Amino acid sequence: MSDEHHPTHEHEFRIQIDRVHYTVQQAEMTGSQLRQVPSPPIGPDRDLFEVIPGHKDKKIEDSDVVQIHNGLRFFTAPATITPGNLDISRTEA
Protein backbone atom coordinates (compact mmCIF):
# COMPACT_ATOMS: atom_id res chain seq x y z
CA MET A 1 0.00 0.00 0.00
CA SER A 2 1.08 3.55 -0.67
CA ASP A 3 1.80 6.12 2.02
CA GLU A 4 0.10 8.69 -0.20
CA HIS A 5 -2.61 9.47 2.39
CA HIS A 6 -0.26 9.40 5.38
CA PRO A 7 -0.08 12.93 6.86
CA THR A 8 3.40 14.31 7.28
CA HIS A 9 4.83 17.51 8.76
CA GLU A 10 7.74 17.46 6.34
CA HIS A 11 5.70 18.07 3.21
CA GLU A 12 6.20 21.38 1.46
CA PHE A 13 3.30 23.31 -0.02
CA ARG A 14 3.66 26.05 -2.61
CA ILE A 15 1.18 28.90 -2.13
CA GLN A 16 0.83 32.48 -3.39
CA ILE A 17 0.03 35.65 -1.47
CA ASP A 18 -0.43 38.77 -3.59
CA ARG A 19 1.11 36.89 -6.56
CA VAL A 20 4.33 36.17 -4.66
CA HIS A 21 5.26 32.47 -4.33
CA TYR A 22 6.00 31.02 -0.88
CA THR A 23 6.75 27.54 0.43
CA VAL A 24 5.20 26.48 3.75
CA GLN A 25 5.40 23.19 5.65
CA GLN A 26 2.14 23.18 7.63
CA ALA A 27 -0.89 21.29 6.30
CA GLU A 28 -3.14 23.63 8.31
CA MET A 29 -2.55 27.30 9.02
CA THR A 30 -4.60 29.98 10.74
CA GLY A 31 -5.21 33.33 9.13
CA SER A 32 -2.84 34.80 11.69
CA GLN A 33 -0.09 32.36 10.64
CA LEU A 34 -0.68 33.09 6.95
CA ARG A 35 -0.28 36.81 7.66
CA GLN A 36 3.24 36.07 8.96
CA VAL A 37 4.40 34.33 5.75
CA PRO A 38 5.35 37.46 3.76
CA SER A 39 8.13 39.74 4.95
CA PRO A 40 7.11 42.19 6.27
CA PRO A 41 3.97 40.44 7.58
CA ILE A 42 0.51 41.52 6.43
CA GLY A 43 -0.64 44.31 8.73
CA PRO A 44 -4.03 44.83 10.37
CA ASP A 45 -4.85 47.52 7.80
CA ARG A 46 -5.32 44.79 5.15
CA ASP A 47 -7.80 41.93 4.88
CA LEU A 48 -6.67 38.50 3.66
CA PHE A 49 -8.76 36.59 1.11
CA GLU A 50 -8.48 33.07 -0.31
CA VAL A 51 -9.03 32.82 -4.06
CA ILE A 52 -11.66 30.15 -4.72
CA PRO A 53 -11.88 29.56 -8.49
CA GLY A 54 -15.46 29.67 -9.77
CA HIS A 55 -16.77 31.02 -6.45
CA LYS A 56 -16.67 34.19 -4.37
CA ASP A 57 -13.31 34.84 -2.71
CA LYS A 58 -13.32 33.95 1.00
CA LYS A 59 -12.19 36.44 3.65
CA ILE A 60 -9.80 34.72 6.08
CA GLU A 61 -10.07 35.90 9.67
CA ASP A 62 -7.05 35.54 11.98
CA SER A 63 -8.67 32.60 13.83
CA ASP A 64 -9.84 30.75 10.67
CA VAL A 65 -8.05 27.46 9.94
CA VAL A 66 -7.13 26.89 6.29
CA GLN A 67 -6.28 23.46 4.83
CA ILE A 68 -3.08 24.14 2.90
CA HIS A 69 -2.37 22.51 -0.48
CA ASN A 70 -0.19 23.26 -3.47
CA GLY A 71 -1.46 26.07 -5.65
CA LEU A 72 -3.52 27.80 -2.96
CA ARG A 73 -3.76 31.52 -3.69
CA PHE A 74 -4.44 34.47 -1.41
CA PHE A 75 -4.60 38.22 -1.88
CA THR A 76 -4.87 41.21 0.39
CA ALA A 77 -7.05 44.30 0.13
CA PRO A 78 -7.46 47.44 2.24
CA ALA A 79 -9.41 46.56 5.40
CA THR A 80 -11.52 49.72 5.27
CA ILE A 81 -12.89 51.16 2.08
CA THR A 82 -14.91 54.29 2.77
CA PRO A 83 -15.32 56.24 -0.48
CA GLY A 84 -16.89 59.65 0.01
CA ASN A 85 -16.53 59.46 3.79
CA LEU A 86 -14.61 62.72 4.06
CA ASP A 87 -17.24 64.61 6.09
CA ILE A 88 -16.71 62.58 9.28
CA SER A 89 -16.19 65.68 11.45
CA ARG A 90 -19.23 67.55 10.10
CA THR A 91 -21.90 68.25 12.71
CA GLU A 92 -25.58 68.73 12.09
CA ALA A 93 -26.86 72.30 12.59
PDB file of N, CA and C in Angstrom:
ATOM      1  N   MET A   1       0.824  -1.196   0.000  1.00  0.00           N
ATOM      2  CA  MET A   1       0.000   0.000   0.000  1.00  0.00           C
ATOM      3  C   MET A   1       0.862   1.250   0.000  1.00  0.00           C
ATOM      4  N   SER A   2       0.356   2.283  -0.565  1.00  0.00           N
ATOM      5  CA  SER A   2       1.078   3.545  -0.668  1.00  0.00           C
ATOM      6  C   SER A   2       0.893   4.387   0.597  1.00  0.00           C
ATOM      7  N   ASP A   3       1.892   5.192   0.902  1.00  0.00           N
ATOM      8  CA  ASP A   3       1.805   6.124   2.025  1.00  0.00           C
ATOM      9  C   ASP A   3       1.234   7.474   1.571  1.00  0.00           C
ATOM     10  N   GLU A   4       0.596   7.470   0.415  1.00  0.00           N
ATOM     11  CA  GLU A   4       0.103   8.690  -0.196  1.00  0.00           C
ATOM     12  C   GLU A   4      -0.832   9.477   0.721  1.00  0.00           C
ATOM     13  N   HIS A   5      -1.643   8.801   1.527  1.00  0.00           N
ATOM     14  CA  HIS A   5      -2.607   9.474   2.391  1.00  0.00           C
ATOM     15  C   HIS A   5      -2.090   9.649   3.811  1.00  0.00           C
ATOM     16  N   HIS A   6      -0.849   9.291   4.046  1.00  0.00           N
ATOM     17  CA  HIS A   6      -0.265   9.404   5.379  1.00  0.00           C
ATOM     18  C   HIS A   6       0.147  10.857   5.623  1.00  0.00           C
ATOM     19  N   PRO A   7      -0.446  11.538   6.635  1.00  0.00           N
ATOM     20  CA  PRO A   7      -0.077  12.934   6.864  1.00  0.00           C
ATOM     21  C   PRO A   7       1.367  13.061   7.339  1.00  0.00           C
ATOM     22  N   THR A   8       2.022  14.094   6.883  1.00  0.00           N
ATOM     23  CA  THR A   8       3.405  14.309   7.284  1.00  0.00           C
ATOM     24  C   THR A   8       3.648  15.786   7.530  1.00  0.00           C
ATOM     25  N   HIS A   9       4.499  16.123   8.463  1.00  0.00           N
ATOM     26  CA  HIS A   9       4.829  17.509   8.758  1.00  0.00           C
ATOM     27  C   HIS A   9       5.895  18.006   7.791  1.00  0.00           C
ATOM     28  N   GLU A  10       6.584  17.101   7.144  1.00  0.00           N
ATOM     29  CA  GLU A  10       7.742  17.459   6.339  1.00  0.00           C
ATOM     30  C   GLU A  10       7.395  17.798   4.899  1.00  0.00           C
ATOM     31  N   HIS A  11       6.114  17.758   4.562  1.00  0.00           N
ATOM     32  CA  HIS A  11       5.703  18.071   3.205  1.00  0.00           C
ATOM     33  C   HIS A  11       5.792  19.579   2.976  1.00  0.00           C
ATOM     34  N   GLU A  12       6.158  19.964   1.790  1.00  0.00           N
ATOM     35  CA  GLU A  12       6.201  21.381   1.459  1.00  0.00           C
ATOM     36  C   GLU A  12       5.052  21.711   0.520  1.00  0.00           C
ATOM     37  N   PHE A  13       4.409  22.838   0.791  1.00  0.00           N
ATOM     38  CA  PHE A  13       3.296  23.307  -0.019  1.00  0.00           C
ATOM     39  C   PHE A  13       3.675  24.650  -0.634  1.00  0.00           C
ATOM     40  N   ARG A  14       3.385  24.802  -1.918  1.00  0.00           N
ATOM     41  CA  ARG A  14       3.657  26.049  -2.608  1.00  0.00           C
ATOM     42  C   ARG A  14       2.353  26.841  -2.718  1.00  0.00           C
ATOM     43  N   ILE A  15       2.356  28.037  -2.111  1.00  0.00           N
ATOM     44  CA  ILE A  15       1.177  28.903  -2.128  1.00  0.00           C
ATOM     45  C   ILE A  15       1.588  30.273  -2.665  1.00  0.00           C
ATOM     46  N   GLN A  16       0.584  31.110  -2.949  1.00  0.00           N
ATOM     47  CA  GLN A  16       0.833  32.483  -3.391  1.00  0.00           C
ATOM     48  C   GLN A  16       0.061  33.444  -2.503  1.00  0.00           C
ATOM     49  N   ILE A  17       0.706  34.545  -2.149  1.00  0.00           N
ATOM     50  CA  ILE A  17       0.030  35.647  -1.467  1.00  0.00           C
ATOM     51  C   ILE A  17       0.384  36.899  -2.244  1.00  0.00           C
ATOM     52  N   ASP A  18      -0.629  37.581  -2.751  1.00  0.00           N
ATOM     53  CA  ASP A  18      -0.426  38.769  -3.593  1.00  0.00           C
ATOM     54  C   ASP A  18       0.540  38.486  -4.740  1.00  0.00           C
ATOM     55  N   ARG A  19       0.354  37.332  -5.378  1.00  0.00           N
ATOM     56  CA  ARG A  19       1.109  36.892  -6.562  1.00  0.00           C
ATOM     57  C   ARG A  19       2.574  36.568  -6.291  1.00  0.00           C
ATOM     58  N   VAL A  20       2.967  36.547  -5.026  1.00  0.00           N
ATOM     59  CA  VAL A  20       4.332  36.166  -4.665  1.00  0.00           C
ATOM     60  C   VAL A  20       4.287  34.712  -4.194  1.00  0.00           C
ATOM     61  N   HIS A  21       5.221  33.893  -4.671  1.00  0.00           N
ATOM     62  CA  HIS A  21       5.257  32.471  -4.332  1.00  0.00           C
ATOM     63  C   HIS A  21       5.987  32.246  -3.010  1.00  0.00           C
ATOM     64  N   TYR A  22       5.397  31.390  -2.174  1.00  0.00           N
ATOM     65  CA  TYR A  22       5.996  31.020  -0.883  1.00  0.00           C
ATOM     66  C   TYR A  22       5.904  29.514  -0.726  1.00  0.00           C
ATOM     67  N   THR A  23       6.803  28.953   0.079  1.00  0.00           N
ATOM     68  CA  THR A  23       6.754  27.537   0.433  1.00  0.00           C
ATOM     69  C   THR A  23       6.527  27.453   1.932  1.00  0.00           C
ATOM     70  N   VAL A  24       5.502  26.681   2.329  1.00  0.00           N
ATOM     71  CA  VAL A  24       5.201  26.479   3.754  1.00  0.00           C
ATOM     72  C   VAL A  24       5.178  24.983   4.028  1.00  0.00           C
ATOM     73  N   GLN A  25       5.357  24.600   5.287  1.00  0.00           N
ATOM     74  CA  GLN A  25       5.398  23.187   5.648  1.00  0.00           C
ATOM     75  C   GLN A  25       4.127  22.690   6.333  1.00  0.00           C
ATOM     76  N   GLN A  26       3.321  23.591   6.886  1.00  0.00           N
ATOM     77  CA  GLN A  26       2.139  23.176   7.634  1.00  0.00           C
ATOM     78  C   GLN A  26       0.982  22.800   6.714  1.00  0.00           C
ATOM     79  N   ALA A  27       0.283  21.721   7.067  1.00  0.00           N
ATOM     80  CA  ALA A  27      -0.891  21.292   6.303  1.00  0.00           C
ATOM     81  C   ALA A  27      -2.127  22.091   6.693  1.00  0.00           C
ATOM     82  N   GLU A  28      -2.076  22.733   7.850  1.00  0.00           N
ATOM     83  CA  GLU A  28      -3.136  23.626   8.308  1.00  0.00           C
ATOM     84  C   GLU A  28      -2.480  24.886   8.854  1.00  0.00           C
ATOM     85  N   MET A  29      -3.067  26.028   8.507  1.00  0.00           N
ATOM     86  CA  MET A  29      -2.547  27.301   9.024  1.00  0.00           C
ATOM     87  C   MET A  29      -3.720  28.205   9.349  1.00  0.00           C
ATOM     88  N   THR A  30      -3.577  28.990  10.416  1.00  0.00           N
ATOM     89  CA  THR A  30      -4.601  29.978  10.736  1.00  0.00           C
ATOM     90  C   THR A  30      -4.372  31.217   9.883  1.00  0.00           C
ATOM     91  N   GLY A  31      -5.377  32.064   9.825  1.00  0.00           N
ATOM     92  CA  GLY A  31      -5.214  33.326   9.127  1.00  0.00           C
ATOM     93  C   GLY A  31      -4.068  34.130   9.705  1.00  0.00           C
ATOM     94  N   SER A  32      -3.927  34.095  11.026  1.00  0.00           N
ATOM     95  CA  SER A  32      -2.839  34.799  11.689  1.00  0.00           C
ATOM     96  C   SER A  32      -1.472  34.268  11.237  1.00  0.00           C
ATOM     97  N   GLN A  33      -1.345  32.946  11.115  1.00  0.00           N
ATOM     98  CA  GLN A  33      -0.090  32.356  10.643  1.00  0.00           C
ATOM     99  C   GLN A  33       0.186  32.729   9.191  1.00  0.00           C
ATOM    100  N   LEU A  34      -0.856  32.723   8.361  1.00  0.00           N
ATOM    101  CA  LEU A  34      -0.679  33.092   6.950  1.00  0.00           C
ATOM    102  C   LEU A  34      -0.208  34.533   6.815  1.00  0.00           C
ATOM    103  N   ARG A  35      -0.688  35.412   7.697  1.00  0.00           N
ATOM    104  CA  ARG A  35      -0.285  36.815   7.661  1.00  0.00           C
ATOM    105  C   ARG A  35       1.201  36.985   7.956  1.00  0.00           C
ATOM    106  N   GLN A  36       1.819  36.002   8.613  1.00  0.00           N
ATOM    107  CA  GLN A  36       3.241  36.073   8.963  1.00  0.00           C
ATOM    108  C   GLN A  36       4.154  35.544   7.852  1.00  0.00           C
ATOM    109  N   VAL A  37       3.584  34.935   6.814  1.00  0.00           N
ATOM    110  CA  VAL A  37       4.397  34.326   5.753  1.00  0.00           C
ATOM    111  C   VAL A  37       5.192  35.383   4.965  1.00  0.00           C
ATOM    112  N   PRO A  38       4.555  36.453   4.475  1.00  0.00           N
ATOM    113  CA  PRO A  38       5.350  37.460   3.755  1.00  0.00           C
ATOM    114  C   PRO A  38       6.246  38.239   4.710  1.00  0.00           C
ATOM    115  N   SER A  39       7.269  38.883   4.150  1.00  0.00           N
ATOM    116  CA  SER A  39       8.125  39.742   4.953  1.00  0.00           C
ATOM    117  C   SER A  39       8.167  41.111   4.278  1.00  0.00           C
ATOM    118  N   PRO A  40       7.686  42.175   4.931  1.00  0.00           N
ATOM    119  CA  PRO A  40       7.111  42.189   6.272  1.00  0.00           C
ATOM    120  C   PRO A  40       5.738  41.518   6.288  1.00  0.00           C
ATOM    121  N   PRO A  41       5.282  41.088   7.471  1.00  0.00           N
ATOM    122  CA  PRO A  41       3.974  40.436   7.579  1.00  0.00           C
ATOM    123  C   PRO A  41       2.842  41.368   7.140  1.00  0.00           C
ATOM    124  N   ILE A  42       1.698  40.766   6.833  1.00  0.00           N
ATOM    125  CA  ILE A  42       0.509  41.516   6.431  1.00  0.00           C
ATOM    126  C   ILE A  42      -0.046  42.223   7.667  1.00  0.00           C
ATOM    127  N   GLY A  43      -0.181  43.516   7.583  1.00  0.00           N
ATOM    128  CA  GLY A  43      -0.635  44.314   8.726  1.00  0.00           C
ATOM    129  C   GLY A  43      -2.143  44.279   8.917  1.00  0.00           C
ATOM    130  N   PRO A  44      -2.607  44.818  10.049  1.00  0.00           N
ATOM    131  CA  PRO A  44      -4.035  44.827  10.369  1.00  0.00           C
ATOM    132  C   PRO A  44      -4.847  45.760   9.478  1.00  0.00           C
ATOM    133  N   ASP A  45      -4.159  46.606   8.700  1.00  0.00           N
ATOM    134  CA  ASP A  45      -4.855  47.521   7.800  1.00  0.00           C
ATOM    135  C   ASP A  45      -5.278  46.843   6.499  1.00  0.00           C
ATOM    136  N   ARG A  46      -4.957  45.539   6.356  1.00  0.00           N
ATOM    137  CA  ARG A  46      -5.323  44.795   5.151  1.00  0.00           C
ATOM    138  C   ARG A  46      -6.064  43.519   5.523  1.00  0.00           C
ATOM    139  N   ASP A  47      -7.072  43.190   4.728  1.00  0.00           N
ATOM    140  CA  ASP A  47      -7.797  41.931   4.884  1.00  0.00           C
ATOM    141  C   ASP A  47      -7.155  40.882   3.992  1.00  0.00           C
ATOM    142  N   LEU A  48      -7.231  39.625   4.416  1.00  0.00           N
ATOM    143  CA  LEU A  48      -6.674  38.504   3.664  1.00  0.00           C
ATOM    144  C   LEU A  48      -7.818  37.681   3.082  1.00  0.00           C
ATOM    145  N   PHE A  49      -7.731  37.363   1.798  1.00  0.00           N
ATOM    146  CA  PHE A  49      -8.758  36.592   1.107  1.00  0.00           C
ATOM    147  C   PHE A  49      -8.136  35.373   0.432  1.00  0.00           C
ATOM    148  N   GLU A  50      -8.865  34.266   0.442  1.00  0.00           N
ATOM    149  CA  GLU A  50      -8.476  33.074  -0.306  1.00  0.00           C
ATOM    150  C   GLU A  50      -9.191  33.116  -1.651  1.00  0.00           C
ATOM    151  N   VAL A  51      -8.449  32.887  -2.730  1.00  0.00           N
ATOM    152  CA  VAL A  51      -9.028  32.822  -4.065  1.00  0.00           C
ATOM    153  C   VAL A  51      -9.653  31.438  -4.229  1.00  0.00           C
ATOM    154  N   ILE A  52     -10.956  31.414  -4.512  1.00  0.00           N
ATOM    155  CA  ILE A  52     -11.657  30.152  -4.724  1.00  0.00           C
ATOM    156  C   ILE A  52     -12.195  30.170  -6.153  1.00  0.00           C
ATOM    157  N   PRO A  53     -11.478  29.513  -7.080  1.00  0.00           N
ATOM    158  CA  PRO A  53     -11.878  29.556  -8.493  1.00  0.00           C
ATOM    159  C   PRO A  53     -13.338  29.145  -8.696  1.00  0.00           C
ATOM    160  N   GLY A  54     -14.062  29.957  -9.466  1.00  0.00           N
ATOM    161  CA  GLY A  54     -15.459  29.667  -9.774  1.00  0.00           C
ATOM    162  C   GLY A  54     -16.425  30.071  -8.673  1.00  0.00           C
ATOM    163  N   HIS A  55     -15.923  30.607  -7.572  1.00  0.00           N
ATOM    164  CA  HIS A  55     -16.771  31.024  -6.447  1.00  0.00           C
ATOM    165  C   HIS A  55     -16.287  32.373  -5.923  1.00  0.00           C
ATOM    166  N   LYS A  56     -17.055  32.928  -5.008  1.00  0.00           N
ATOM    167  CA  LYS A  56     -16.673  34.191  -4.374  1.00  0.00           C
ATOM    168  C   LYS A  56     -15.427  33.969  -3.513  1.00  0.00           C
ATOM    169  N   ASP A  57     -14.505  34.924  -3.550  1.00  0.00           N
ATOM    170  CA  ASP A  57     -13.306  34.839  -2.710  1.00  0.00           C
ATOM    171  C   ASP A  57     -13.727  34.836  -1.244  1.00  0.00           C
ATOM    172  N   LYS A  58     -12.966  34.121  -0.410  1.00  0.00           N
ATOM    173  CA  LYS A  58     -13.324  33.954   0.997  1.00  0.00           C
ATOM    174  C   LYS A  58     -12.397  34.772   1.886  1.00  0.00           C
ATOM    175  N   LYS A  59     -12.987  35.655   2.703  1.00  0.00           N
ATOM    176  CA  LYS A  59     -12.190  36.436   3.647  1.00  0.00           C
ATOM    177  C   LYS A  59     -11.705  35.502   4.747  1.00  0.00           C
ATOM    178  N   ILE A  60     -10.412  35.576   5.060  1.00  0.00           N
ATOM    179  CA  ILE A  60      -9.802  34.721   6.076  1.00  0.00           C
ATOM    180  C   ILE A  60      -9.565  35.561   7.325  1.00  0.00           C
ATOM    181  N   GLU A  61     -10.273  35.230   8.388  1.00  0.00           N
ATOM    182  CA  GLU A  61     -10.072  35.905   9.672  1.00  0.00           C
ATOM    183  C   GLU A  61      -8.839  35.300  10.343  1.00  0.00           C
ATOM    184  N   ASP A  62      -8.263  36.013  11.303  1.00  0.00           N
ATOM    185  CA  ASP A  62      -7.054  35.537  11.983  1.00  0.00           C
ATOM    186  C   ASP A  62      -7.236  34.162  12.618  1.00  0.00           C
ATOM    187  N   SER A  63      -8.433  33.868  13.133  1.00  0.00           N
ATOM    188  CA  SER A  63      -8.672  32.597  13.826  1.00  0.00           C
ATOM    189  C   SER A  63      -9.135  31.470  12.900  1.00  0.00           C
ATOM    190  N   ASP A  64      -9.406  31.777  11.623  1.00  0.00           N
ATOM    191  CA  ASP A  64      -9.842  30.747  10.673  1.00  0.00           C
ATOM    192  C   ASP A  64      -8.704  29.773  10.395  1.00  0.00           C
ATOM    193  N   VAL A  65      -9.038  28.483  10.275  1.00  0.00           N
ATOM    194  CA  VAL A  65      -8.048  27.460   9.941  1.00  0.00           C
ATOM    195  C   VAL A  65      -8.219  27.101   8.461  1.00  0.00           C
ATOM    196  N   VAL A  66      -7.117  27.172   7.730  1.00  0.00           N
ATOM    197  CA  VAL A  66      -7.134  26.892   6.289  1.00  0.00           C
ATOM    198  C   VAL A  66      -6.367  25.600   6.035  1.00  0.00           C
ATOM    199  N   GLN A  67      -6.958  24.691   5.253  1.00  0.00           N
ATOM    200  CA  GLN A  67      -6.283  23.463   4.829  1.00  0.00           C
ATOM    201  C   GLN A  67      -5.356  23.858   3.676  1.00  0.00           C
ATOM    202  N   ILE A  68      -4.068  23.692   3.883  1.00  0.00           N
ATOM    203  CA  ILE A  68      -3.084  24.137   2.895  1.00  0.00           C
ATOM    204  C   ILE A  68      -2.819  23.042   1.867  1.00  0.00           C
ATOM    205  N   HIS A  69      -2.742  23.436   0.604  1.00  0.00           N
ATOM    206  CA  HIS A  69      -2.372  22.513  -0.477  1.00  0.00           C
ATOM    207  C   HIS A  69      -1.649  23.311  -1.550  1.00  0.00           C
ATOM    208  N   ASN A  70      -0.924  22.607  -2.392  1.00  0.00           N
ATOM    209  CA  ASN A  70      -0.194  23.264  -3.473  1.00  0.00           C
ATOM    210  C   ASN A  70      -1.139  24.059  -4.351  1.00  0.00           C
ATOM    211  N   GLY A  71      -0.691  25.241  -4.730  1.00  0.00           N
ATOM    212  CA  GLY A  71      -1.456  26.067  -5.653  1.00  0.00           C
ATOM    213  C   GLY A  71      -2.466  26.982  -4.986  1.00  0.00           C
ATOM    214  N   LEU A  72      -2.583  26.933  -3.663  1.00  0.00           N
ATOM    215  CA  LEU A  72      -3.515  27.803  -2.957  1.00  0.00           C
ATOM    216  C   LEU A  72      -3.087  29.252  -3.160  1.00  0.00           C
ATOM    217  N   ARG A  73      -4.068  30.122  -3.422  1.00  0.00           N
ATOM    218  CA  ARG A  73      -3.755  31.525  -3.690  1.00  0.00           C
ATOM    219  C   ARG A  73      -4.534  32.437  -2.748  1.00  0.00           C
ATOM    220  N   PHE A  74      -3.855  33.466  -2.290  1.00  0.00           N
ATOM    221  CA  PHE A  74      -4.444  34.466  -1.409  1.00  0.00           C
ATOM    222  C   PHE A  74      -4.112  35.846  -1.940  1.00  0.00           C
ATOM    223  N   PHE A  75      -4.923  36.831  -1.569  1.00  0.00           N
ATOM    224  CA  PHE A  75      -4.597  38.220  -1.883  1.00  0.00           C
ATOM    225  C   PHE A  75      -5.048  39.088  -0.723  1.00  0.00           C
ATOM    226  N   THR A  76      -4.481  40.282  -0.649  1.00  0.00           N
ATOM    227  CA  THR A  76      -4.873  41.215   0.392  1.00  0.00           C
ATOM    228  C   THR A  76      -5.556  42.417  -0.246  1.00  0.00           C
ATOM    229  N   ALA A  77      -6.354  43.096   0.562  1.00  0.00           N
ATOM    230  CA  ALA A  77      -7.054  44.301   0.130  1.00  0.00           C
ATOM    231  C   ALA A  77      -7.162  45.222   1.339  1.00  0.00           C
ATOM    232  N   PRO A  78      -7.310  46.527   1.107  1.00  0.00           N
ATOM    233  CA  PRO A  78      -7.463  47.435   2.242  1.00  0.00           C
ATOM    234  C   PRO A  78      -8.618  46.980   3.137  1.00  0.00           C
ATOM    235  N   ALA A  79      -8.397  47.028   4.442  1.00  0.00           N
ATOM    236  CA  ALA A  79      -9.406  46.562   5.399  1.00  0.00           C
ATOM    237  C   ALA A  79     -10.615  47.479   5.436  1.00  0.00           C
ATOM    238  N   THR A  80     -10.415  48.772   5.208  1.00  0.00           N
ATOM    239  CA  THR A  80     -11.516  49.723   5.267  1.00  0.00           C
ATOM    240  C   THR A  80     -11.560  50.510   3.977  1.00  0.00           C
ATOM    241  N   ILE A  81     -12.689  50.376   3.289  1.00  0.00           N
ATOM    242  CA  ILE A  81     -12.892  51.161   2.080  1.00  0.00           C
ATOM    243  C   ILE A  81     -14.086  52.060   2.358  1.00  0.00           C
ATOM    244  N   THR A  82     -13.828  53.354   2.457  1.00  0.00           N
ATOM    245  CA  THR A  82     -14.908  54.289   2.765  1.00  0.00           C
ATOM    246  C   THR A  82     -14.909  55.442   1.767  1.00  0.00           C
ATOM    247  N   PRO A  83     -15.300  55.159   0.512  1.00  0.00           N
ATOM    248  CA  PRO A  83     -15.320  56.238  -0.478  1.00  0.00           C
ATOM    249  C   PRO A  83     -16.343  57.303  -0.095  1.00  0.00           C
ATOM    250  N   GLY A  84     -15.968  58.551  -0.258  1.00  0.00           N
ATOM    251  CA  GLY A  84     -16.892  59.653   0.013  1.00  0.00           C
ATOM    252  C   GLY A  84     -17.123  59.898   1.493  1.00  0.00           C
ATOM    253  N   ASN A  85     -16.329  59.304   2.358  1.00  0.00           N
ATOM    254  CA  ASN A  85     -16.532  59.455   3.792  1.00  0.00           C
ATOM    255  C   ASN A  85     -15.592  60.533   4.341  1.00  0.00           C
ATOM    256  N   LEU A  86     -15.531  61.671   3.666  1.00  0.00           N
ATOM    257  CA  LEU A  86     -14.612  62.715   4.061  1.00  0.00           C
ATOM    258  C   LEU A  86     -15.238  63.705   5.036  1.00  0.00           C
ATOM    259  N   ASP A  87     -16.555  63.671   5.222  1.00  0.00           N
ATOM    260  CA  ASP A  87     -17.240  64.608   6.088  1.00  0.00           C
ATOM    261  C   ASP A  87     -17.464  64.043   7.478  1.00  0.00           C
ATOM    262  N   ILE A  88     -16.553  63.245   7.991  1.00  0.00           N
ATOM    263  CA  ILE A  88     -16.714  62.583   9.283  1.00  0.00           C
ATOM    264  C   ILE A  88     -16.887  63.612  10.397  1.00  0.00           C
ATOM    265  N   SER A  89     -16.150  64.711  10.354  1.00  0.00           N
ATOM    266  CA  SER A  89     -16.191  65.680  11.451  1.00  0.00           C
ATOM    267  C   SER A  89     -17.342  66.690  11.328  1.00  0.00           C
ATOM    268  N   ARG A  90     -18.125  66.601  10.294  1.00  0.00           N
ATOM    269  CA  ARG A  90     -19.232  67.546  10.097  1.00  0.00           C
ATOM    270  C   ARG A  90     -20.304  67.321  11.139  1.00  0.00           C
ATOM    271  N   THR A  91     -20.813  68.378  11.733  1.00  0.00           N
ATOM    272  CA  THR A  91     -21.899  68.252  12.714  1.00  0.00           C
ATOM    273  C   THR A  91     -23.169  68.813  12.119  1.00  0.00           C
ATOM    274  N   GLU A  92     -24.285  68.254  12.559  1.00  0.00           N
ATOM    275  CA  GLU A  92     -25.580  68.729  12.090  1.00  0.00           C
ATOM    276  C   GLU A  92     -25.913  70.062  12.763  1.00  0.00           C
ATOM    277  N   ALA A  93     -26.506  70.982  12.024  1.00  0.00           N
ATOM    278  CA  ALA A  93     -26.865  72.300  12.594  1.00  0.00           C
ATOM    279  C   ALA A  93     -28.232  72.238  13.255  1.00  0.00           C
TER     280      ALA A  93
END
